[in-house]
C-alpha atoms as a PDB file:
ATOM      1  CA  MET A   1    -106.050 117.587 -37.194  1.00  0.00           C
ATOM      2  CA  ARG A   2    -104.754 115.305 -40.295  1.00  0.00           C
ATOM      3  CA  ARG A   3    -100.755 116.640 -39.147  1.00  0.00           C
ATOM      4  CA  GLU A   4    -101.972 115.558 -34.978  1.00  0.00           C
ATOM      5  CA  TYR A   5    -103.364 112.032 -36.361  1.00  0.00           C
ATOM      6  CA  PHE A   6    -100.007 112.152 -38.445  1.00  0.00           C
ATOM      7  CA  ASN A   7     -97.894 113.062 -35.664  1.00  0.00           C
ATOM      8  CA  LYS A   8     -99.372 109.920 -33.336  1.00  0.00           C
ATOM      9  CA  PHE A   9     -98.858 107.932 -36.324  1.00  0.00           C
ATOM     10  CA  LEU A  10     -94.688 108.780 -36.460  1.00  0.00           C
ATOM     11  CA  LYS A  11     -95.029 108.353 -32.240  1.00  0.00           C
ATOM     12  CA  MET A  12     -96.821 105.044 -32.719  1.00  0.00           C
ATOM     13  CA  VAL A  13     -94.139 103.711 -35.683  1.00  0.00           C
ATOM     14  CA  PHE A  14     -90.889 104.433 -33.184  1.00  0.00           C
ATOM     15  CA  ILE A  15     -92.193 102.720 -30.770  1.00  0.00           C
ATOM     16  CA  SER A  16     -92.624  99.825 -32.881  1.00  0.00           C
ATOM     17  CA  ILE A  17     -89.254 100.048 -34.242  1.00  0.00           C
ATOM     18  CA  VAL A  18     -87.782 100.481 -30.452  1.00  0.00           C
ATOM     19  CA  THR A  19     -89.565  97.782 -29.194  1.00  0.00           C
ATOM     20  CA  SER A  20     -88.965  95.482 -31.743  1.00  0.00           C
ATOM     21  CA  CYS A  21     -85.656  96.347 -31.587  1.00  0.00           C
ATOM     22  CA  PHE A  22     -85.719  95.700 -27.611  1.00  0.00           C
ATOM     23  CA  PHE A  23     -83.734  92.469 -27.911  1.00  0.00           C
ATOM     24  CA  VAL A  24     -82.038  92.643 -30.713  1.00  0.00           C
ATOM     25  CA  ALA A  25     -80.371  95.486 -32.078  1.00  0.00           C
ATOM     26  CA  CYS A  26     -81.318  97.672 -35.139  1.00  0.00           C
ATOM     27  CA  LEU A  27     -78.120  98.515 -36.559  1.00  0.00           C
ATOM     28  CA  ASP A  28     -74.922  96.061 -36.413  1.00  0.00           C
ATOM     29  CA  VAL A  29     -71.521  97.987 -37.442  1.00  0.00           C
ATOM     30  CA  ASN A  30     -69.322  95.655 -37.856  1.00  0.00           C
ATOM     31  CA  TYR A  31     -65.104  97.472 -38.368  1.00  0.00           C
ATOM     32  CA  ASN A  32     -62.281  95.459 -39.014  1.00  0.00           C
ATOM     33  CA  ILE A  33     -59.247  97.489 -39.291  1.00  0.00           C
ATOM     34  CA  LYS A  34     -55.314  96.333 -39.954  1.00  0.00           C
ATOM     35  CA  VAL A  35     -52.943  99.058 -39.055  1.00  0.00           C
ATOM     36  CA  ASN A  36     -48.696  98.969 -40.624  1.00  0.00           C
ATOM     37  CA  GLU A  37     -45.708 100.240 -38.292  1.00  0.00           C
ATOM     38  CA  ASP A  38     -45.769 103.402 -40.932  1.00  0.00           C
ATOM     39  CA  GLY A  39     -49.772 103.950 -40.013  1.00  0.00           C
ATOM     40  CA  SER A  40     -50.902 102.813 -43.375  1.00  0.00           C
ATOM     41  CA  GLY A  41     -53.771 100.068 -43.541  1.00  0.00           C
ATOM     42  CA  SER A  42     -56.762  98.632 -44.672  1.00  0.00           C
ATOM     43  CA  ALA A  43     -60.602  98.036 -43.156  1.00  0.00           C
ATOM     44  CA  THR A  44     -63.701  96.581 -44.148  1.00  0.00           C
ATOM     45  CA  LEU A  45     -67.252  97.825 -42.307  1.00  0.00           C
ATOM     46  CA  ASP A  46     -70.466  95.772 -42.479  1.00  0.00           C
ATOM     47  CA  LEU A  47     -73.084  97.738 -41.952  1.00  0.00           C
ATOM     48  CA  SER A  48     -76.709  95.188 -41.260  1.00  0.00           C
ATOM     49  CA  ILE A  49     -79.722  97.147 -40.975  1.00  0.00           C
ATOM     50  CA  SER A  50     -83.296  95.990 -39.589  1.00  0.00           C
ATOM     51  CA  LYS A  51     -85.886  96.628 -42.699  1.00  0.00           C
ATOM     52  CA  GLY A  52     -87.607  98.662 -39.515  1.00  0.00           C
ATOM     53  CA  LEU A  53     -85.414 101.254 -39.897  1.00  0.00           C
ATOM     54  CA  ILE A  54     -85.644 101.435 -43.685  1.00  0.00           C
ATOM     55  CA  PHE A  55     -88.999 102.801 -44.786  1.00  0.00           C
ATOM     56  CA  ASN A  56     -88.351 103.612 -48.406  1.00  0.00           C
ATOM     57  CA  GLN A  57     -85.479 103.685 -50.945  1.00  0.00           C
ATOM     58  CA  LYS A  58     -84.639 106.746 -50.926  1.00  0.00           C
ATOM     59  CA  GLN A  59     -83.524 106.261 -47.138  1.00  0.00           C
ATOM     60  CA  LEU A  60     -81.120 103.185 -48.427  1.00  0.00           C
ATOM     61  CA  ARG A  61     -79.805 105.829 -50.966  1.00  0.00           C
ATOM     62  CA  ASP A  62     -78.855 108.139 -48.126  1.00  0.00           C
ATOM     63  CA  ILE A  63     -77.364 105.449 -46.225  1.00  0.00           C
ATOM     64  CA  LYS A  64     -75.435 104.049 -49.029  1.00  0.00           C
ATOM     65  CA  ARG A  65     -74.553 107.857 -50.117  1.00  0.00           C
ATOM     66  CA  GLY A  66     -73.348 108.712 -46.622  1.00  0.00           C
ATOM     67  CA  ILE A  67     -71.338 105.273 -46.717  1.00  0.00           C
ATOM     68  CA  GLU A  68     -68.898 106.465 -49.761  1.00  0.00           C
ATOM     69  CA  LYS A  69     -68.842 109.820 -48.262  1.00  0.00           C
ATOM     70  CA  ASP A  70     -66.609 108.878 -45.990  1.00  0.00           C
ATOM     71  CA  GLY A  71     -64.234 107.076 -48.606  1.00  0.00           C
ATOM     72  CA  TRP A  72     -65.538 103.968 -47.876  1.00  0.00           C
ATOM     73  CA  ASN A  73     -66.170 101.260 -51.738  1.00  0.00           C
ATOM     74  CA  ILE A  74     -69.456  99.398 -51.348  1.00  0.00           C
ATOM     75  CA  THR A  75     -68.619  96.309 -52.738  1.00  0.00           C
ATOM     76  CA  SER A  76     -71.388  94.223 -52.090  1.00  0.00           C
ATOM     77  CA  GLU A  77     -75.111  94.584 -50.696  1.00  0.00           C
ATOM     78  CA  SER A  78     -77.425  91.817 -49.590  1.00  0.00           C
ATOM     79  CA  ASP A  79     -80.784  91.286 -48.534  1.00  0.00           C
ATOM     80  CA  VAL A  80     -81.593  88.165 -45.753  1.00  0.00           C
ATOM     81  CA  ASP A  81     -82.954  87.452 -42.834  1.00  0.00           C
ATOM     82  CA  ASN A  82     -85.141  90.749 -42.637  1.00  0.00           C
ATOM     83  CA  LYS A  83     -82.106  92.811 -42.837  1.00  0.00           C
ATOM     84  CA  TYR A  84     -80.498  94.502 -45.580  1.00  0.00           C
ATOM     85  CA  SER A  85     -76.907  94.250 -45.664  1.00  0.00           C
ATOM     86  CA  ILE A  86     -73.777  96.314 -46.631  1.00  0.00           C
ATOM     87  CA  HIS A  87     -70.259  95.080 -47.361  1.00  0.00           C
ATOM     88  CA  SER A  88     -67.463  98.100 -47.550  1.00  0.00           C
ATOM     89  CA  VAL A  89     -63.719  97.834 -48.189  1.00  0.00           C
ATOM     90  CA  LYS A  90     -60.975 100.878 -47.865  1.00  0.00           C
ATOM     91  CA  SER A  91     -57.291 101.614 -48.013  1.00  0.00           C
ATOM     92  CA  PHE A  92     -55.680 104.239 -46.546  1.00  0.00           C
ATOM     93  CA  HIS A  93     -51.901 105.716 -45.813  1.00  0.00           C
ATOM     94  CA  GLN A  94     -52.308 107.018 -42.494  1.00  0.00           C
ATOM     95  CA  ILE A  95     -55.523 106.578 -39.958  1.00  0.00           C
ATOM     96  CA  SER A  96     -56.810 109.806 -40.138  1.00  0.00           C
ATOM     97  CA  GLN A  97     -58.458 108.712 -43.023  1.00  0.00           C
ATOM     98  CA  MET A  98     -60.594 106.666 -41.088  1.00  0.00           C
ATOM     99  CA  ASN A  99     -62.003 109.715 -39.252  1.00  0.00           C
ATOM    100  CA  ASP A 100     -65.634 110.383 -39.535  1.00  0.00           C
ATOM    101  CA  GLU A 101     -68.467 112.585 -37.558  1.00  0.00           C
ATOM    102  CA  THR A 102     -68.443 109.913 -34.958  1.00  0.00           C
ATOM    103  CA  PHE A 103     -64.988 108.887 -34.605  1.00  0.00           C
ATOM    104  CA  ILE A 104     -61.449 110.061 -34.306  1.00  0.00           C
ATOM    105  CA  PHE A 105     -58.440 107.431 -35.142  1.00  0.00           C
ATOM    106  CA  THR A 106     -54.594 108.381 -34.200  1.00  0.00           C
ATOM    107  CA  PHE A 107     -51.575 105.775 -34.289  1.00  0.00           C
ATOM    108  CA  SER A 108     -47.822 106.745 -33.234  1.00  0.00           C
ATOM    109  CA  GLU A 109     -44.945 104.842 -32.252  1.00  0.00           C
ATOM    110  CA  GLU A 110     -42.151 105.455 -30.052  1.00  0.00           C
ATOM    111  CA  LYS A 111     -38.832 103.781 -29.733  1.00  0.00           C
ATOM    112  CA  SER A 112     -38.399 102.842 -26.086  1.00  0.00           C
ATOM    113  CA  SER A 113     -34.718 100.903 -26.721  1.00  0.00           C
ATOM    114  CA  VAL A 114     -32.550 100.301 -28.734  1.00  0.00           C
ATOM    115  CA  LEU A 115     -33.921  97.285 -29.306  1.00  0.00           C
ATOM    116  CA  SER A 116     -37.733  97.546 -29.193  1.00  0.00           C
ATOM    117  CA  LYS A 117     -40.490  99.917 -30.336  1.00  0.00           C
ATOM    118  CA  ASN A 118     -44.089 100.942 -28.915  1.00  0.00           C
ATOM    119  CA  TYR A 119     -47.094 101.751 -30.694  1.00  0.00           C
ATOM    120  CA  TYR A 120     -50.087 103.751 -29.569  1.00  0.00           C
ATOM    121  CA  PHE A 121     -53.554 103.406 -30.854  1.00  0.00           C
ATOM    122  CA  ASN A 122     -56.452 105.052 -29.887  1.00  0.00           C
ATOM    123  CA  ILE A 123     -60.264 105.769 -31.060  1.00  0.00           C
ATOM    124  CA  GLU A 124     -61.780 108.774 -29.838  1.00  0.00           C
ATOM    125  CA  ILE A 125     -65.874 108.817 -29.690  1.00  0.00           C
ATOM    126  CA  ILE A 126     -66.448 112.489 -30.392  1.00  0.00           C
ATOM    127  CA  LYS A 127     -70.263 112.544 -30.887  1.00  0.00           C
ATOM    128  CA  ASP A 128     -73.251 111.476 -28.835  1.00  0.00           C
ATOM    129  CA  LEU A 129     -75.214 109.264 -30.657  1.00  0.00           C
ATOM    130  CA  LYS A 130     -79.138 109.239 -30.570  1.00  0.00           C
ATOM    131  CA  TYR A 131     -80.701 105.957 -29.940  1.00  0.00           C
ATOM    132  CA  GLY A 132     -77.902 104.228 -28.708  1.00  0.00           C
ATOM    133  CA  GLN A 133     -79.623 101.447 -27.515  1.00  0.00           C
ATOM    134  CA  LEU A 134     -80.149 100.868 -31.210  1.00  0.00           C
ATOM    135  CA  TYR A 135     -76.708  99.896 -31.932  1.00  0.00           C
ATOM    136  CA  SER A 136     -74.053  97.389 -32.150  1.00  0.00           C
ATOM    137  CA  ILE A 137     -70.953  98.369 -32.520  1.00  0.00           C
ATOM    138  CA  LEU A 138     -67.850  95.840 -32.936  1.00  0.00           C
ATOM    139  CA  ILE A 139     -64.446  97.278 -33.859  1.00  0.00           C
ATOM    140  CA  LYS A 140     -61.559  94.687 -34.227  1.00  0.00           C
ATOM    141  CA  VAL A 141     -58.022  95.834 -35.400  1.00  0.00           C
ATOM    142  CA  GLU A 142     -54.829  94.202 -35.855  1.00  0.00           C
ATOM    143  CA  LEU A 143     -51.969  96.477 -34.674  1.00  0.00           C
ATOM    144  CA  PRO A 144     -47.925  95.254 -35.697  1.00  0.00           C
ATOM    145  CA  GLY A 145     -46.435  93.799 -32.451  1.00  0.00           C
ATOM    146  CA  LYS A 146     -47.726  92.389 -29.584  1.00  0.00           C
ATOM    147  CA  VAL A 147     -50.600  93.985 -27.602  1.00  0.00           C
ATOM    148  CA  GLU A 148     -49.018  94.720 -23.989  1.00  0.00           C
ATOM    149  CA  GLU A 149     -52.207  97.008 -22.739  1.00  0.00           C
ATOM    150  CA  THR A 150     -55.961  97.757 -23.825  1.00  0.00           C
ATOM    151  CA  ASN A 151     -58.899  98.367 -22.956  1.00  0.00           C
ATOM    152  CA  GLY A 152     -60.776  96.143 -25.177  1.00  0.00           C
ATOM    153  CA  SER A 153     -60.173  92.574 -25.549  1.00  0.00           C
ATOM    154  CA  LYS A 154     -56.841  90.658 -26.494  1.00  0.00           C
ATOM    155  CA  ILE A 155     -58.313  87.843 -29.370  1.00  0.00           C
ATOM    156  CA  ALA A 156     -55.109  87.211 -30.418  1.00  0.00           C
ATOM    157  CA  SER A 157     -51.019  88.475 -29.480  1.00  0.00           C
ATOM    158  CA  ASN A 158     -51.867  91.565 -31.970  1.00  0.00           C
ATOM    159  CA  THR A 159     -55.235  91.866 -32.133  1.00  0.00           C
ATOM    160  CA  VAL A 160     -57.723  93.714 -29.927  1.00  0.00           C
ATOM    161  CA  GLN A 161     -61.678  94.005 -29.876  1.00  0.00           C
ATOM    162  CA  TRP A 162     -64.252  96.532 -28.866  1.00  0.00           C
ATOM    163  CA  GLN A 163     -67.763  95.591 -28.461  1.00  0.00           C
ATOM    164  CA  ASN A 164     -71.156  96.613 -27.174  1.00  0.00           C
ATOM    165  CA  ILE A 165     -69.149 100.347 -26.610  1.00  0.00           C
ATOM    166  CA  ASN A 166     -70.716 102.915 -25.039  1.00  0.00           C
ATOM    167  CA  LEU A 167     -71.415 105.676 -27.290  1.00  0.00           C
ATOM    168  CA  ILE A 168     -70.515 108.916 -25.541  1.00  0.00           C
ATOM    169  CA  LYS A 169     -68.271 111.518 -26.283  1.00  0.00           C
ATOM    170  CA  GLY A 170     -65.189 111.380 -24.758  1.00  0.00           C
ATOM    171  CA  THR A 171     -65.071 107.652 -24.862  1.00  0.00           C
ATOM    172  CA  ASN A 172     -61.441 106.550 -25.880  1.00  0.00           C
ATOM    173  CA  LEU A 173     -60.664 102.892 -27.053  1.00  0.00           C
ATOM    174  CA  TYR A 174     -56.438 102.520 -26.911  1.00  0.00           C
ATOM    175  CA  ALA A 175     -54.409  99.824 -27.182  1.00  0.00           C
ATOM    176  CA  LYS A 176     -50.382  99.313 -26.961  1.00  0.00           C
ATOM    177  CA  THR A 177     -48.505  97.222 -28.413  1.00  0.00           C
ATOM    178  CA  SER A 178     -44.292  96.636 -28.295  1.00  0.00           C
ATOM    179  CA  LYS A 179     -42.084  95.182 -30.718  1.00  0.00           C
ATOM    180  CA  LEU A 180     -38.618  94.497 -31.032  1.00  0.00           C
ATOM    181  CA  ILE A 181     -36.581  95.543 -33.826  1.00  0.00           C
ATOM    182  CA  PHE A 182     -33.305  95.356 -35.456  1.00  0.00           C
ATOM    183  CA  PRO A 183     -31.289  98.778 -36.338  1.00  0.00           C
ATOM    184  CA  THR A 184     -29.330  98.670 -39.538  1.00  0.00           C
ATOM    185  CA  GLU A 185     -26.809  99.130 -37.636  1.00  0.00           C
ATOM    186  CA  VAL A 186     -26.636  96.339 -35.765  1.00  0.00           C
ATOM    187  CA  ILE A 187     -27.809  94.160 -39.058  1.00  0.00           C
ATOM    188  CA  ILE A 188     -24.669  95.596 -40.213  1.00  0.00           C
ATOM    189  CA  ILE A 189     -22.484  94.405 -37.364  1.00  0.00           C
ATOM    190  CA  VAL A 190     -23.813  90.949 -37.552  1.00  0.00           C
ATOM    191  CA  VAL A 191     -23.371  90.485 -41.080  1.00  0.00           C
ATOM    192  CA  ALA A 192     -19.835  91.571 -40.924  1.00  0.00           C
ATOM    193  CA  SER A 193     -19.085  89.303 -38.031  1.00  0.00           C
ATOM    194  CA  PHE A 194     -20.541  86.521 -39.578  1.00  0.00           C
ATOM    195  CA  ILE A 195     -18.160  87.144 -42.802  1.00  0.00           C
ATOM    196  CA  LEU A 196     -15.066  87.729 -41.209  1.00  0.00           C
ATOM    197  CA  LEU A 197     -15.669  84.418 -38.725  1.00  0.00           C
ATOM    198  CA  THR A 198     -16.677  82.682 -41.633  1.00  0.00           C
ATOM    199  CA  ILE A 199     -13.191  83.608 -43.501  1.00  0.00           C
ATOM    200  CA  LEU A 200     -10.913  83.352 -40.614  1.00  0.00           C
ATOM    201  CA  LEU A 201     -12.850  79.719 -40.342  1.00  0.00           C
ATOM    202  CA  ILE A 202     -11.894  79.032 -43.776  1.00  0.00           C
ATOM    203  CA  PHE A 203      -8.138  79.764 -43.133  1.00  0.00           C
ATOM    204  CA  SER A 204      -7.881  77.999 -39.585  1.00  0.00           C
ATOM    205  CA  LYS A 205      -8.675  74.844 -41.584  1.00  0.00           C
ATOM    206  CA  GLN A 206      -6.654  75.312 -44.533  1.00  0.00           C
ATOM    207  CA  LYS A 207      -3.757  75.550 -41.975  1.00  0.00           C
ATOM    208  CA  SER A 208      -4.916  73.078 -40.054  1.00  0.00           C
ATOM    209  CA  LYS A 209      -4.902  70.701 -43.054  1.00  0.00           C
ATOM    210  CA  ALA A 210      -1.072  72.575 -44.771  1.00  0.00           C
ATOM    211  CA  LYS A 211       0.616  70.985 -41.201  1.00  0.00           C
ATOM    212  CA  LEU A 212      -1.258  67.422 -40.803  1.00  0.00           C
ATOM    213  CA  ILE A 213       0.447  67.184 -44.583  1.00  0.00           C
ATOM    214  CA  ARG A 214       3.583  68.371 -43.465  1.00  0.00           C
ATOM    215  CA  ASP A 215       3.983  66.382 -39.993  1.00  0.00           C
ATOM    216  CA  ASN A 216       2.743  62.893 -42.059  1.00  0.00           C
ATOM    217  CA  LYS A 217       4.924  63.910 -45.023  1.00  0.00           C
ATOM    218  CA  PRO A 218       8.098  60.270 -44.448  1.00  0.00           C
ATOM    219  CA  VAL A 219      11.534  61.694 -43.652  1.00  0.00           C
ATOM    220  CA  MET A 220      14.149  60.652 -46.591  1.00  0.00           C
ATOM    221  CA  GLU A 221      17.358  60.106 -44.313  1.00  0.00           C
ATOM    222  CA  SER A 222      20.607  60.199 -46.949  1.00  0.00           C
ATOM    223  CA  ILE A 223      24.277  59.307 -46.530  1.00  0.00           C
ATOM    224  CA  TYR A 224      27.029  61.292 -48.873  1.00  0.00           C
ATOM    225  CA  CYS A 225      29.850  59.533 -50.417  1.00  0.00           C
ATOM    226  CA  ILE A 226      33.435  60.112 -48.812  1.00  0.00           C
ATOM    227  CA  LYS A 227      35.038  60.202 -52.393  1.00  0.00           C
ATOM    228  CA  CYS A 228      32.641  62.392 -55.040  1.00  0.00           C
ATOM    229  CA  GLY A 229      30.595  63.591 -52.457  1.00  0.00           C
ATOM    230  CA  VAL A 230      27.288  62.461 -54.160  1.00  0.00           C
ATOM    231  CA  GLN A 231      23.970  61.989 -52.032  1.00  0.00           C
ATOM    232  CA  ASN A 232      22.801  58.103 -51.205  1.00  0.00           C
ATOM    233  CA  SER A 233      20.303  56.202 -49.739  1.00  0.00           C
ATOM    234  CA  VAL A 234      20.808  55.919 -46.063  1.00  0.00           C
ATOM    235  CA  SER A 235      20.378  51.877 -47.101  1.00  0.00           C
ATOM    236  CA  ALA A 236      23.598  51.860 -50.350  1.00  0.00           C
ATOM    237  CA  LYS A 237      26.377  50.039 -49.845  1.00  0.00           C
ATOM    238  CA  PHE A 238      28.108  51.867 -52.573  1.00  0.00           C
ATOM    239  CA  CYS A 239      28.388  55.155 -54.204  1.00  0.00           C
ATOM    240  CA  ILE A 240      25.410  55.416 -57.411  1.00  0.00           C
ATOM    241  CA  ASN A 241      28.203  57.515 -58.755  1.00  0.00           C
ATOM    242  CA  CYS A 242      32.064  56.038 -58.193  1.00  0.00           C
ATOM    243  CA  GLY A 243      30.653  53.050 -56.697  1.00  0.00           C
ATOM    244  CA  GLU A 244      32.972  53.609 -53.589  1.00  0.00           C
ATOM    245  CA  THR A 245      31.793  51.559 -50.413  1.00  0.00           C
ATOM    246  CA  LEU A 246      29.662  53.363 -48.173  1.00  0.00           C
ATOM    247  CA  GLU A 247      30.244  54.012 -44.637  1.00  0.00           C
ATOM    248  CA  THR A 248      27.416  53.699 -42.390  1.00  0.00           C
END
């Protein structure tokens, strides 16, 4: 009899929780992820739990242990407005380190041309979440390049957001970005061409300057003495050597 009353009590509690969460989600989950070109990156996880879902401290400890088990580092906790909030951070060398029992993350790249590259980001939901109506999930992802395609909302040139996600197994959240690249060979050619052009420009200026000096140099006309052969100025009347009269 006592067990029957206890089961009725649990049902009443659950109905009360569902009713209280009908208009406001009992569990807010916010991911903020930044992915680099090599697939590494960082992320933050903000969890806001309605106190109606936490019956004792053991449940709270279990929630925090689950967060830490998935590789998150809890940096702060707060208890405000009838909600318990947990802020966590994580760094990853490859996107697969973000995987958990609900989400599978993938990130890849593809060279689309000599000067451009495409990046592909995907999150697959691999598990149906019970009582999904109690959840409010927001995922914001910053990617390398410019967003070209997504089934989420583009909130910046390189940032996509998914909100009010359908938490059903098999759902995929995807985004494609593109970015201009400059191969090492192209950079070397550009730098070498710039250096060669600079050298040619300097040489051309020096050559032009020498020609200008040569063209502007006054021409010294002269006359030779018929007696001694010494060179004299064209304006001289007598030889500077022998005194002979110069013929002009």
